């Protein structure tokens, strides 16, 4: 669903009326919603229990959150195999919390794709002061075999998330990182070196680190 004007409750009714829906794509900017109801992020995911492939933009997450973000969902997304989070920003109040929420609720997740958005748009009041990855991501990703992150910046918080996934994913086969085009070749090699040295649960995982554009450099390692 793209480029539509819709209320939260109308969107939820559409999703709930499709009980056999297996794939959902919600790439809607929060300004395109009509604020006329009190539906929450929990209500949204409650309508997605049987979905296997989910692609969701951060704008939809932000609007359904409405200033309140749960630490856990009362339901599980047992059918979810593929998750793509688009336009996410790690320093935003909801950035890492939504990742933690979905990972903890989707124990059968096989592939996780994250498209990071430049954080220059995030207001100071929307920035998260601290986030303890080890506590908030206290779960093993036992079925995750592929992680892909686009537009990653050379920043500790983002790298720490990748390291945590490596440490908690025993069947992980591939990690593919596309760095922001402002990252230098030396920094890209440093990212690869850092990920090679971090503890990992999988006995064999391929790590690929590339700069998005403006460079033909590609770094690769099999751990």
N, C-alpha and C. Protein backbone atom coordinates (compact mmCIF):
# COMPACT_ATOMS: atom_id res chain seq x y z
N UNK A 1 0.85 -1.18 0.00
CA UNK A 1 0.00 0.00 0.00
C UNK A 1 0.89 1.24 0.00
N UNK A 2 0.72 2.09 -1.01
CA UNK A 2 1.55 3.29 -1.14
C UNK A 2 0.69 4.48 -1.57
N UNK A 3 1.11 5.68 -1.11
CA UNK A 3 0.51 6.93 -1.58
C UNK A 3 -1.01 6.95 -1.45
N UNK A 4 -1.51 6.63 -0.26
CA UNK A 4 -2.95 6.67 -0.03
C UNK A 4 -3.24 7.49 1.22
N UNK A 5 -4.46 8.05 1.27
CA UNK A 5 -4.95 8.73 2.46
C UNK A 5 -5.87 7.76 3.17
N UNK A 6 -5.58 7.45 4.41
CA UNK A 6 -6.37 6.44 5.11
C UNK A 6 -6.26 6.67 6.61
N UNK A 7 -7.32 6.36 7.31
CA UNK A 7 -7.26 6.42 8.77
C UNK A 7 -6.66 5.13 9.29
N UNK A 8 -6.16 5.14 10.51
CA UNK A 8 -5.59 3.94 11.10
C UNK A 8 -6.63 2.82 11.15
N UNK A 9 -7.83 3.16 11.63
CA UNK A 9 -8.84 2.12 11.80
C UNK A 9 -9.28 1.53 10.46
N UNK A 10 -9.32 2.35 9.41
CA UNK A 10 -9.68 1.84 8.09
C UNK A 10 -8.63 0.87 7.57
N UNK A 11 -7.37 1.20 7.80
CA UNK A 11 -6.29 0.31 7.38
C UNK A 11 -6.36 -1.01 8.13
N UNK A 12 -6.62 -0.95 9.43
CA UNK A 12 -6.71 -2.18 10.22
C UNK A 12 -7.89 -3.04 9.78
N UNK A 13 -9.00 -2.42 9.43
CA UNK A 13 -10.16 -3.17 8.97
C UNK A 13 -9.85 -3.90 7.66
N UNK A 14 -9.12 -3.24 6.77
CA UNK A 14 -8.73 -3.88 5.52
C UNK A 14 -7.85 -5.10 5.80
N UNK A 15 -6.87 -4.94 6.69
CA UNK A 15 -5.97 -6.04 7.01
C UNK A 15 -6.71 -7.19 7.68
N UNK A 16 -7.61 -6.86 8.60
CA UNK A 16 -8.34 -7.90 9.32
C UNK A 16 -9.33 -8.64 8.42
N UNK A 17 -9.78 -7.98 7.36
CA UNK A 17 -10.71 -8.62 6.43
C UNK A 17 -10.00 -9.55 5.44
N UNK A 18 -8.69 -9.67 5.56
CA UNK A 18 -7.91 -10.55 4.68
C UNK A 18 -7.17 -11.57 5.53
N UNK A 19 -7.88 -12.53 6.14
CA UNK A 19 -7.25 -13.46 7.09
C UNK A 19 -6.23 -14.41 6.47
N UNK A 20 -6.24 -14.55 5.15
CA UNK A 20 -5.30 -15.45 4.48
C UNK A 20 -4.13 -14.70 3.85
N UNK A 21 -4.02 -13.43 4.14
CA UNK A 21 -2.96 -12.60 3.56
C UNK A 21 -1.58 -13.09 4.00
N UNK A 22 -0.69 -13.34 3.04
CA UNK A 22 0.64 -13.85 3.34
C UNK A 22 1.73 -12.79 3.18
N UNK A 23 1.50 -11.81 2.33
CA UNK A 23 2.50 -10.77 2.09
C UNK A 23 1.85 -9.39 2.24
N UNK A 24 2.53 -8.51 2.98
CA UNK A 24 2.02 -7.16 3.21
C UNK A 24 3.16 -6.16 3.03
N UNK A 25 2.88 -5.08 2.29
CA UNK A 25 3.83 -3.99 2.14
C UNK A 25 3.13 -2.69 2.52
N UNK A 26 3.61 -2.05 3.58
CA UNK A 26 3.04 -0.79 4.06
C UNK A 26 4.13 0.28 4.01
N UNK A 27 4.19 0.98 2.92
CA UNK A 27 5.19 2.03 2.74
C UNK A 27 4.46 3.36 2.66
N UNK A 28 3.96 3.82 3.81
CA UNK A 28 3.12 5.00 3.86
C UNK A 28 3.72 6.01 4.81
N UNK A 29 3.90 7.24 4.35
CA UNK A 29 4.41 8.29 5.22
C UNK A 29 3.36 8.65 6.26
N UNK A 30 3.80 8.93 7.49
CA UNK A 30 2.82 9.19 8.54
C UNK A 30 1.96 10.42 8.27
N UNK A 31 2.41 11.33 7.45
CA UNK A 31 1.61 12.52 7.14
C UNK A 31 0.43 12.19 6.25
N UNK A 32 0.42 10.97 5.67
CA UNK A 32 -0.67 10.57 4.79
C UNK A 32 -1.82 9.92 5.55
N UNK A 33 -1.66 9.73 6.86
CA UNK A 33 -2.73 9.18 7.67
C UNK A 33 -3.63 10.30 8.19
N UNK A 34 -4.88 9.97 8.36
CA UNK A 34 -5.82 10.88 9.00
C UNK A 34 -5.89 10.52 10.48
N UNK A 35 -5.59 11.47 11.35
CA UNK A 35 -5.56 11.20 12.78
C UNK A 35 -6.97 11.29 13.35
N UNK A 36 -7.70 10.18 13.32
CA UNK A 36 -9.09 10.20 13.75
C UNK A 36 -9.44 9.03 14.66
N UNK A 37 -8.46 8.36 15.21
CA UNK A 37 -8.75 7.19 16.04
C UNK A 37 -7.62 6.97 17.02
N UNK A 38 -7.76 5.95 17.85
CA UNK A 38 -6.77 5.67 18.89
C UNK A 38 -6.12 4.30 18.71
N UNK A 39 -6.03 3.82 17.49
CA UNK A 39 -5.42 2.52 17.24
C UNK A 39 -3.92 2.58 17.55
N UNK A 40 -3.36 1.47 18.01
CA UNK A 40 -1.98 1.43 18.46
C UNK A 40 -1.13 0.50 17.61
N UNK A 41 0.16 0.50 17.90
CA UNK A 41 1.08 -0.40 17.20
C UNK A 41 0.74 -1.85 17.48
N UNK A 42 0.23 -2.14 18.67
CA UNK A 42 -0.20 -3.50 19.01
C UNK A 42 -1.37 -3.92 18.13
N UNK A 43 -2.31 -3.01 17.90
CA UNK A 43 -3.45 -3.31 17.02
C UNK A 43 -2.98 -3.63 15.61
N UNK A 44 -1.97 -2.89 15.15
CA UNK A 44 -1.46 -3.12 13.80
C UNK A 44 -0.91 -4.53 13.66
N UNK A 45 -0.02 -4.92 14.55
CA UNK A 45 0.60 -6.24 14.43
C UNK A 45 -0.36 -7.38 14.76
N UNK A 46 -1.41 -7.07 15.51
CA UNK A 46 -2.42 -8.08 15.79
C UNK A 46 -3.13 -8.50 14.50
N UNK A 47 -3.18 -7.60 13.52
CA UNK A 47 -3.80 -7.91 12.23
C UNK A 47 -2.84 -8.63 11.28
N UNK A 48 -1.60 -8.81 11.71
CA UNK A 48 -0.58 -9.39 10.82
C UNK A 48 -0.07 -10.74 11.33
N UNK A 49 -0.87 -11.41 12.12
CA UNK A 49 -0.41 -12.65 12.77
C UNK A 49 -0.01 -13.75 11.79
N UNK A 50 -0.71 -13.86 10.66
CA UNK A 50 -0.44 -14.96 9.73
C UNK A 50 0.42 -14.53 8.55
N UNK A 51 0.85 -13.28 8.53
CA UNK A 51 1.67 -12.78 7.42
C UNK A 51 3.05 -13.44 7.45
N UNK A 52 3.54 -13.84 6.28
CA UNK A 52 4.85 -14.47 6.16
C UNK A 52 5.92 -13.51 5.66
N UNK A 53 5.52 -12.55 4.84
CA UNK A 53 6.45 -11.57 4.27
C UNK A 53 5.92 -10.17 4.57
N UNK A 54 6.70 -9.41 5.33
CA UNK A 54 6.25 -8.08 5.74
C UNK A 54 7.31 -7.03 5.40
N UNK A 55 6.88 -6.02 4.65
CA UNK A 55 7.73 -4.85 4.37
C UNK A 55 6.98 -3.64 4.90
N UNK A 56 7.60 -2.90 5.83
CA UNK A 56 6.90 -1.81 6.47
C UNK A 56 7.81 -0.59 6.62
N UNK A 57 7.28 0.56 6.25
CA UNK A 57 8.03 1.80 6.36
C UNK A 57 7.96 2.35 7.77
N UNK A 58 8.99 3.09 8.14
CA UNK A 58 9.07 3.62 9.50
C UNK A 58 7.97 4.65 9.78
N UNK A 59 7.49 5.32 8.73
CA UNK A 59 6.41 6.28 8.91
C UNK A 59 5.16 5.65 9.50
N UNK A 60 4.82 4.45 9.02
CA UNK A 60 3.65 3.74 9.55
C UNK A 60 3.87 3.34 11.00
N UNK A 61 5.09 2.90 11.31
CA UNK A 61 5.42 2.54 12.69
C UNK A 61 5.26 3.74 13.61
N UNK A 62 5.81 4.86 13.18
CA UNK A 62 5.80 6.07 14.00
C UNK A 62 4.38 6.55 14.27
N UNK A 63 3.53 6.49 13.26
CA UNK A 63 2.18 7.00 13.43
C UNK A 63 1.33 6.11 14.33
N UNK A 64 1.47 4.79 14.19
CA UNK A 64 0.71 3.88 15.03
C UNK A 64 1.20 3.91 16.47
N UNK A 65 2.46 4.25 16.68
CA UNK A 65 3.00 4.28 18.04
C UNK A 65 2.34 5.37 18.88
N UNK A 66 2.08 6.51 18.29
CA UNK A 66 1.37 7.61 18.97
C UNK A 66 1.98 7.99 20.31
N UNK A 67 3.30 8.00 20.38
CA UNK A 67 3.96 8.43 21.61
C UNK A 67 4.16 7.35 22.64
N UNK A 68 3.59 6.17 22.42
CA UNK A 68 3.73 5.06 23.38
C UNK A 68 4.21 3.83 22.62
N UNK A 69 5.28 3.21 23.13
CA UNK A 69 5.81 2.04 22.44
C UNK A 69 5.97 0.89 23.43
N UNK A 70 5.29 -0.24 23.20
CA UNK A 70 5.36 -1.37 24.14
C UNK A 70 6.71 -2.07 24.08
N UNK A 71 7.12 -2.66 25.19
CA UNK A 71 8.36 -3.45 25.20
C UNK A 71 8.13 -4.83 24.62
N UNK A 72 6.90 -5.33 24.71
CA UNK A 72 6.56 -6.64 24.17
C UNK A 72 5.17 -6.59 23.55
N UNK A 73 4.94 -7.47 22.57
CA UNK A 73 3.61 -7.62 22.01
C UNK A 73 2.87 -8.73 22.74
N UNK A 74 1.55 -8.60 22.93
CA UNK A 74 0.79 -9.67 23.58
C UNK A 74 0.56 -10.87 22.67
N UNK A 75 0.96 -10.73 21.41
CA UNK A 75 0.81 -11.83 20.44
C UNK A 75 2.18 -12.14 19.84
N UNK A 76 2.28 -13.26 19.14
CA UNK A 76 3.52 -13.61 18.44
C UNK A 76 3.25 -13.67 16.94
N UNK A 77 4.28 -13.39 16.17
CA UNK A 77 4.19 -13.44 14.72
C UNK A 77 4.91 -14.70 14.24
N UNK A 78 4.32 -15.84 14.56
CA UNK A 78 4.97 -17.12 14.32
C UNK A 78 5.15 -17.45 12.84
N UNK A 79 4.34 -16.86 11.98
CA UNK A 79 4.41 -17.17 10.55
C UNK A 79 5.40 -16.29 9.80
N UNK A 80 5.87 -15.23 10.44
CA UNK A 80 6.72 -14.26 9.75
C UNK A 80 8.09 -14.85 9.43
N UNK A 81 8.42 -14.91 8.14
CA UNK A 81 9.70 -15.45 7.68
C UNK A 81 10.63 -14.36 7.13
N UNK A 82 10.03 -13.33 6.55
CA UNK A 82 10.81 -12.25 5.93
C UNK A 82 10.30 -10.91 6.45
N UNK A 83 11.23 -10.08 6.93
CA UNK A 83 10.87 -8.76 7.44
C UNK A 83 11.79 -7.71 6.84
N UNK A 84 11.19 -6.67 6.26
CA UNK A 84 11.95 -5.53 5.75
C UNK A 84 11.45 -4.28 6.46
N UNK A 85 12.35 -3.59 7.15
CA UNK A 85 12.04 -2.32 7.80
C UNK A 85 12.68 -1.20 6.98
N UNK A 86 11.86 -0.31 6.45
CA UNK A 86 12.35 0.73 5.54
C UNK A 86 12.39 2.09 6.23
N UNK A 87 13.39 2.88 5.86
CA UNK A 87 13.53 4.26 6.35
C UNK A 87 13.63 4.34 7.87
N UNK A 88 14.30 3.38 8.46
CA UNK A 88 14.46 3.36 9.91
C UNK A 88 15.69 4.18 10.30
N UNK A 89 15.64 4.75 11.48
CA UNK A 89 16.76 5.53 12.01
C UNK A 89 17.06 5.01 13.41
N UNK A 90 18.27 4.54 13.64
CA UNK A 90 18.61 3.88 14.90
C UNK A 90 18.54 4.83 16.10
N UNK A 91 18.80 6.12 15.89
CA UNK A 91 18.80 7.03 17.04
C UNK A 91 17.41 7.57 17.37
N UNK A 92 16.43 7.29 16.53
CA UNK A 92 15.06 7.73 16.81
C UNK A 92 14.50 6.95 18.00
N UNK A 93 13.61 7.58 18.74
CA UNK A 93 13.00 6.94 19.91
C UNK A 93 12.44 5.55 19.61
N UNK A 94 11.92 5.36 18.39
CA UNK A 94 11.29 4.09 18.05
C UNK A 94 12.18 3.18 17.20
N UNK A 95 13.37 3.65 16.80
CA UNK A 95 14.20 2.90 15.87
C UNK A 95 14.57 1.51 16.36
N UNK A 96 15.43 1.45 17.36
CA UNK A 96 15.83 0.15 17.91
C UNK A 96 14.70 -0.55 18.67
N UNK A 97 13.83 0.18 19.38
CA UNK A 97 12.72 -0.51 20.04
C UNK A 97 11.82 -1.30 19.09
N UNK A 98 11.55 -0.78 17.88
CA UNK A 98 10.70 -1.54 16.97
C UNK A 98 11.43 -2.77 16.46
N UNK A 99 12.75 -2.66 16.27
CA UNK A 99 13.53 -3.83 15.88
C UNK A 99 13.47 -4.90 16.97
N UNK A 100 13.68 -4.48 18.21
CA UNK A 100 13.64 -5.42 19.32
C UNK A 100 12.26 -6.05 19.45
N UNK A 101 11.22 -5.24 19.32
CA UNK A 101 9.85 -5.72 19.45
C UNK A 101 9.55 -6.80 18.41
N UNK A 102 9.91 -6.55 17.16
CA UNK A 102 9.60 -7.48 16.09
C UNK A 102 10.47 -8.73 16.14
N UNK A 103 11.73 -8.58 16.49
CA UNK A 103 12.61 -9.75 16.58
C UNK A 103 12.16 -10.68 17.69
N UNK A 104 11.81 -10.11 18.84
CA UNK A 104 11.36 -10.93 19.97
C UNK A 104 10.02 -11.61 19.69
N UNK A 105 9.23 -11.04 18.80
CA UNK A 105 7.90 -11.60 18.50
C UNK A 105 7.91 -12.52 17.29
N UNK A 106 9.04 -12.61 16.58
CA UNK A 106 9.11 -13.36 15.32
C UNK A 106 10.23 -14.38 15.39
N UNK A 107 10.02 -15.40 16.17
CA UNK A 107 11.09 -16.37 16.43
C UNK A 107 11.41 -17.25 15.22
N UNK A 108 10.54 -17.27 14.20
CA UNK A 108 10.79 -18.07 13.00
C UNK A 108 11.33 -17.23 11.85
N UNK A 109 11.73 -16.01 12.14
CA UNK A 109 12.23 -15.11 11.10
C UNK A 109 13.47 -15.68 10.43
N UNK A 110 13.43 -15.72 9.07
CA UNK A 110 14.55 -16.27 8.32
C UNK A 110 15.44 -15.21 7.69
N UNK A 111 14.83 -14.10 7.26
CA UNK A 111 15.62 -13.02 6.66
C UNK A 111 15.16 -11.68 7.22
N UNK A 112 16.13 -10.85 7.59
CA UNK A 112 15.87 -9.50 8.09
C UNK A 112 16.59 -8.50 7.19
N UNK A 113 15.82 -7.58 6.63
CA UNK A 113 16.39 -6.52 5.79
C UNK A 113 16.06 -5.18 6.41
N UNK A 114 17.08 -4.32 6.54
CA UNK A 114 16.91 -3.02 7.17
C UNK A 114 17.44 -1.95 6.22
N UNK A 115 16.59 -0.98 5.91
CA UNK A 115 16.99 0.15 5.07
C UNK A 115 17.06 1.39 5.95
N UNK A 116 18.27 1.86 6.22
CA UNK A 116 18.48 2.97 7.15
C UNK A 116 18.33 4.31 6.44
N UNK A 117 17.65 5.23 7.11
CA UNK A 117 17.47 6.58 6.58
C UNK A 117 18.41 7.53 7.30
N UNK A 118 18.94 8.49 6.57
CA UNK A 118 19.78 9.53 7.16
C UNK A 118 19.06 10.16 8.35
N UNK A 119 19.79 10.34 9.47
CA UNK A 119 19.14 10.79 10.70
C UNK A 119 19.06 12.30 10.86
N UNK A 120 19.37 13.06 9.83
CA UNK A 120 19.36 14.52 9.95
C UNK A 120 17.96 15.07 10.19
N UNK A 121 16.93 14.29 9.85
CA UNK A 121 15.55 14.75 10.01
C UNK A 121 15.03 14.57 11.42
N UNK A 122 15.73 13.81 12.25
CA UNK A 122 15.22 13.48 13.59
C UNK A 122 15.40 14.66 14.54
N UNK A 123 14.30 15.12 15.11
CA UNK A 123 14.35 16.22 16.06
C UNK A 123 15.04 15.78 17.35
N UNK A 124 15.62 16.74 18.06
CA UNK A 124 16.31 16.43 19.32
C UNK A 124 15.36 15.73 20.29
N UNK A 125 14.12 16.16 20.34
CA UNK A 125 13.14 15.57 21.26
C UNK A 125 12.77 14.15 20.88
N UNK A 126 13.09 13.73 19.64
CA UNK A 126 12.76 12.38 19.18
C UNK A 126 13.94 11.44 19.25
N UNK A 127 15.06 11.93 19.75
CA UNK A 127 16.27 11.10 19.81
C UNK A 127 16.35 10.34 21.12
N UNK A 128 16.72 9.09 21.03
CA UNK A 128 16.82 8.25 22.21
C UNK A 128 18.18 8.46 22.86
N UNK A 129 18.17 8.75 24.17
CA UNK A 129 19.42 9.03 24.88
C UNK A 129 20.27 7.78 25.06
N UNK A 130 19.62 6.67 25.36
CA UNK A 130 20.38 5.44 25.61
C UNK A 130 19.54 4.24 25.23
N UNK A 131 20.24 3.15 24.91
CA UNK A 131 19.56 1.91 24.56
C UNK A 131 20.52 0.77 24.83
N UNK A 132 20.11 -0.17 25.68
CA UNK A 132 20.97 -1.29 26.04
C UNK A 132 20.64 -2.47 25.14
N UNK A 133 21.47 -2.70 24.14
CA UNK A 133 21.19 -3.74 23.17
C UNK A 133 21.07 -5.11 23.82
N UNK A 134 22.00 -5.43 24.72
CA UNK A 134 22.03 -6.76 25.32
C UNK A 134 20.75 -7.06 26.08
N UNK A 135 20.17 -6.06 26.74
CA UNK A 135 18.95 -6.28 27.52
C UNK A 135 17.72 -6.30 26.62
N UNK A 136 17.63 -5.35 25.71
CA UNK A 136 16.43 -5.24 24.88
C UNK A 136 16.36 -6.30 23.79
N UNK A 137 17.50 -6.86 23.40
CA UNK A 137 17.53 -7.93 22.40
C UNK A 137 17.91 -9.25 23.05
N UNK A 138 17.38 -9.51 24.22
CA UNK A 138 17.70 -10.73 24.96
C UNK A 138 16.92 -11.91 24.39
N UNK A 139 17.26 -12.30 23.16
CA UNK A 139 16.57 -13.40 22.49
C UNK A 139 17.51 -13.98 21.44
N UNK A 140 17.42 -15.28 21.23
CA UNK A 140 18.21 -15.94 20.19
C UNK A 140 17.40 -15.98 18.90
N UNK A 141 18.05 -15.62 17.80
CA UNK A 141 17.41 -15.65 16.49
C UNK A 141 17.75 -16.99 15.84
N UNK A 142 17.03 -18.02 16.27
CA UNK A 142 17.43 -19.39 15.97
C UNK A 142 17.17 -19.80 14.53
N UNK A 143 16.35 -19.07 13.80
CA UNK A 143 16.07 -19.41 12.41
C UNK A 143 16.60 -18.38 11.41
N UNK A 144 17.20 -17.32 11.91
CA UNK A 144 17.69 -16.27 11.01
C UNK A 144 18.90 -16.76 10.22
N UNK A 145 18.79 -16.73 8.90
CA UNK A 145 19.93 -17.16 8.07
C UNK A 145 20.48 -16.04 7.18
N UNK A 146 19.80 -14.88 7.16
CA UNK A 146 20.32 -13.79 6.33
C UNK A 146 19.96 -12.43 6.92
N UNK A 147 20.95 -11.55 6.97
CA UNK A 147 20.77 -10.17 7.41
C UNK A 147 21.31 -9.25 6.33
N UNK A 148 20.52 -8.26 5.95
CA UNK A 148 20.95 -7.26 4.96
C UNK A 148 20.63 -5.87 5.49
N UNK A 149 21.63 -4.99 5.49
CA UNK A 149 21.44 -3.62 5.95
C UNK A 149 21.96 -2.67 4.88
N UNK A 150 21.12 -1.72 4.50
CA UNK A 150 21.46 -0.73 3.47
C UNK A 150 21.63 0.65 4.09
N UNK A 151 22.65 1.36 3.65
CA UNK A 151 22.93 2.75 4.06
C UNK A 151 23.43 2.83 5.50
N UNK A 152 24.15 1.82 5.93
CA UNK A 152 24.73 1.83 7.27
C UNK A 152 25.85 2.86 7.34
N UNK A 153 25.86 3.64 8.41
CA UNK A 153 26.88 4.66 8.63
C UNK A 153 27.93 4.08 9.58
N UNK A 154 29.12 4.61 9.48
CA UNK A 154 30.23 4.14 10.33
C UNK A 154 30.00 4.64 11.75
N UNK A 155 29.11 3.94 12.49
CA UNK A 155 28.69 4.39 13.81
C UNK A 155 28.57 3.18 14.74
N UNK A 156 28.99 3.37 16.00
CA UNK A 156 29.04 2.25 16.93
C UNK A 156 27.69 1.59 17.15
N UNK A 157 26.62 2.38 17.27
CA UNK A 157 25.31 1.82 17.57
C UNK A 157 24.86 0.85 16.49
N UNK A 158 25.06 1.21 15.23
CA UNK A 158 24.66 0.35 14.13
C UNK A 158 25.54 -0.89 14.06
N UNK A 159 26.84 -0.71 14.25
CA UNK A 159 27.75 -1.86 14.24
C UNK A 159 27.47 -2.79 15.42
N UNK A 160 27.14 -2.23 16.56
CA UNK A 160 26.83 -3.06 17.73
C UNK A 160 25.61 -3.94 17.47
N UNK A 161 24.64 -3.42 16.72
CA UNK A 161 23.47 -4.23 16.38
C UNK A 161 23.88 -5.41 15.50
N UNK A 162 24.73 -5.17 14.51
CA UNK A 162 25.18 -6.25 13.63
C UNK A 162 25.95 -7.29 14.44
N UNK A 163 26.80 -6.84 15.34
CA UNK A 163 27.57 -7.76 16.18
C UNK A 163 26.65 -8.60 17.06
N UNK A 164 25.60 -7.99 17.56
CA UNK A 164 24.66 -8.72 18.39
C UNK A 164 23.95 -9.81 17.58
N UNK A 165 23.55 -9.48 16.35
CA UNK A 165 22.91 -10.48 15.49
C UNK A 165 23.87 -11.64 15.22
N UNK A 166 25.13 -11.33 14.95
CA UNK A 166 26.13 -12.39 14.73
C UNK A 166 26.26 -13.29 15.95
N UNK A 167 26.19 -12.71 17.13
CA UNK A 167 26.38 -13.46 18.37
C UNK A 167 25.17 -14.30 18.75
N UNK A 168 23.99 -13.98 18.21
CA UNK A 168 22.76 -14.64 18.64
C UNK A 168 22.03 -15.38 17.52
N UNK A 169 22.72 -15.65 16.41
CA UNK A 169 22.07 -16.31 15.27
C UNK A 169 22.87 -17.55 14.87
N UNK A 170 22.55 -18.71 15.42
CA UNK A 170 23.37 -19.91 15.22
C UNK A 170 23.33 -20.50 13.82
N UNK A 171 22.33 -20.16 13.00
CA UNK A 171 22.27 -20.71 11.64
C UNK A 171 22.47 -19.62 10.58
N UNK A 172 22.99 -18.49 10.98
CA UNK A 172 23.20 -17.38 10.06
C UNK A 172 24.18 -17.77 8.95
N UNK A 173 23.78 -17.51 7.70
CA UNK A 173 24.61 -17.86 6.55
C UNK A 173 25.23 -16.65 5.86
N UNK A 174 24.51 -15.54 5.85
CA UNK A 174 25.02 -14.38 5.12
C UNK A 174 24.64 -13.08 5.82
N UNK A 175 25.64 -12.19 5.92
CA UNK A 175 25.43 -10.82 6.38
C UNK A 175 25.93 -9.90 5.27
N UNK A 176 25.03 -9.09 4.76
CA UNK A 176 25.39 -8.19 3.65
C UNK A 176 25.16 -6.75 4.11
N UNK A 177 26.23 -5.96 4.13
CA UNK A 177 26.18 -4.58 4.60
C UNK A 177 26.52 -3.63 3.45
N UNK A 178 25.59 -2.74 3.13
CA UNK A 178 25.84 -1.69 2.15
C UNK A 178 26.04 -0.39 2.91
N UNK A 179 27.26 0.12 2.91
CA UNK A 179 27.59 1.32 3.66
C UNK A 179 27.16 2.59 2.93
N UNK A 180 26.86 3.62 3.70
CA UNK A 180 26.57 4.94 3.15
C UNK A 180 27.72 5.38 2.25
N UNK A 181 27.40 6.07 1.15
CA UNK A 181 28.45 6.41 0.18
C UNK A 181 29.45 7.44 0.69
N UNK A 182 29.23 8.00 1.88
CA UNK A 182 30.22 8.90 2.45
C UNK A 182 31.27 8.17 3.29
N UNK A 183 31.06 6.88 3.49
CA UNK A 183 32.03 6.07 4.22
C UNK A 183 33.24 5.82 3.33
N UNK A 184 34.44 6.01 3.86
CA UNK A 184 35.66 5.84 3.07
C UNK A 184 36.02 4.37 2.93
N UNK A 185 36.95 4.11 2.01
CA UNK A 185 37.41 2.73 1.79
C UNK A 185 38.07 2.18 3.05
N UNK A 186 38.87 3.00 3.71
CA UNK A 186 39.53 2.56 4.95
C UNK A 186 38.51 2.23 6.03
N UNK A 187 37.46 3.05 6.13
CA UNK A 187 36.42 2.79 7.12
C UNK A 187 35.66 1.52 6.79
N UNK A 188 35.43 1.27 5.50
CA UNK A 188 34.75 0.04 5.09
C UNK A 188 35.57 -1.19 5.48
N UNK A 189 36.88 -1.11 5.28
CA UNK A 189 37.75 -2.22 5.67
C UNK A 189 37.76 -2.39 7.19
N UNK A 190 37.67 -1.29 7.91
CA UNK A 190 37.62 -1.35 9.37
C UNK A 190 36.33 -2.01 9.84
N UNK A 191 35.22 -1.70 9.17
CA UNK A 191 33.94 -2.34 9.50
C UNK A 191 34.05 -3.85 9.29
N UNK A 192 34.61 -4.25 8.16
CA UNK A 192 34.77 -5.67 7.89
C UNK A 192 35.64 -6.34 8.94
N UNK A 193 36.76 -5.68 9.28
CA UNK A 193 37.65 -6.25 10.29
C UNK A 193 36.98 -6.39 11.64
N UNK A 194 36.17 -5.40 12.01
CA UNK A 194 35.45 -5.45 13.28
C UNK A 194 34.47 -6.62 13.30
N UNK A 195 33.74 -6.82 12.21
CA UNK A 195 32.76 -7.89 12.16
C UNK A 195 33.42 -9.27 12.09
N UNK A 196 34.61 -9.34 11.51
CA UNK A 196 35.34 -10.61 11.48
C UNK A 196 35.77 -11.03 12.88
N UNK A 197 36.12 -10.05 13.71
CA UNK A 197 36.66 -10.35 15.03
C UNK A 197 35.59 -10.55 16.09
N UNK A 198 34.37 -10.13 15.81
CA UNK A 198 33.33 -10.24 16.83
C UNK A 198 32.89 -11.69 17.01
N UNK A 199 32.50 -12.09 18.21
CA UNK A 199 32.01 -13.46 18.43
C UNK A 199 30.77 -13.72 17.58
N UNK A 200 30.67 -14.94 17.06
CA UNK A 200 29.52 -15.29 16.25
C UNK A 200 29.06 -16.70 16.59
N UNK A 201 27.74 -16.89 16.57
CA UNK A 201 27.17 -18.18 16.95
C UNK A 201 27.18 -19.18 15.81
N UNK A 202 27.15 -18.70 14.58
CA UNK A 202 27.14 -19.59 13.42
C UNK A 202 28.55 -20.04 13.08
N UNK A 203 28.75 -21.33 12.80
CA UNK A 203 30.10 -21.81 12.47
C UNK A 203 30.59 -21.34 11.11
N UNK A 204 29.68 -20.92 10.24
CA UNK A 204 30.10 -20.47 8.91
C UNK A 204 29.12 -19.41 8.42
N UNK A 205 29.58 -18.17 8.40
CA UNK A 205 28.74 -17.08 7.92
C UNK A 205 29.57 -16.19 7.00
N UNK A 206 29.01 -15.87 5.86
CA UNK A 206 29.67 -14.99 4.89
C UNK A 206 29.30 -13.55 5.21
N UNK A 207 30.31 -12.71 5.36
CA UNK A 207 30.09 -11.29 5.63
C UNK A 207 30.56 -10.48 4.43
N UNK A 208 29.66 -9.70 3.87
CA UNK A 208 29.96 -8.88 2.71
C UNK A 208 29.75 -7.41 3.08
N UNK A 209 30.76 -6.59 2.86
CA UNK A 209 30.68 -5.16 3.18
C UNK A 209 31.01 -4.37 1.91
N UNK A 210 30.09 -3.51 1.50
CA UNK A 210 30.28 -2.72 0.30
C UNK A 210 29.85 -1.28 0.54
N UNK A 211 30.46 -0.36 -0.20
CA UNK A 211 30.00 1.03 -0.21
C UNK A 211 28.95 1.14 -1.32
N UNK A 212 27.85 1.83 -1.05
CA UNK A 212 26.69 1.83 -1.94
C UNK A 212 27.02 2.25 -3.36
N UNK A 213 27.67 3.41 -3.54
CA UNK A 213 27.95 3.88 -4.89
C UNK A 213 29.18 4.78 -4.86
N UNK A 214 29.71 5.04 -6.04
CA UNK A 214 30.89 5.90 -6.13
C UNK A 214 32.17 5.16 -5.82
N UNK A 215 32.06 3.84 -5.68
CA UNK A 215 33.24 3.03 -5.39
C UNK A 215 33.02 1.63 -5.89
N UNK A 216 34.05 1.04 -6.43
CA UNK A 216 33.95 -0.34 -6.90
C UNK A 216 34.51 -1.30 -5.87
N UNK A 217 34.87 -0.77 -4.70
CA UNK A 217 35.47 -1.60 -3.67
C UNK A 217 34.43 -2.49 -3.03
N UNK A 218 34.75 -3.75 -2.88
CA UNK A 218 33.88 -4.68 -2.17
C UNK A 218 34.73 -5.54 -1.27
N UNK A 219 34.34 -5.67 -0.02
CA UNK A 219 35.09 -6.46 0.94
C UNK A 219 34.26 -7.65 1.36
N UNK A 220 34.89 -8.80 1.48
CA UNK A 220 34.14 -10.01 1.75
C UNK A 220 34.96 -10.92 2.65
N UNK A 221 34.26 -11.64 3.51
CA UNK A 221 34.94 -12.58 4.37
C UNK A 221 34.01 -13.71 4.74
N UNK A 222 34.53 -14.92 4.80
CA UNK A 222 33.78 -16.06 5.30
C UNK A 222 34.32 -16.40 6.66
N UNK A 223 33.44 -16.33 7.66
CA UNK A 223 33.86 -16.55 9.04
C UNK A 223 33.64 -18.02 9.40
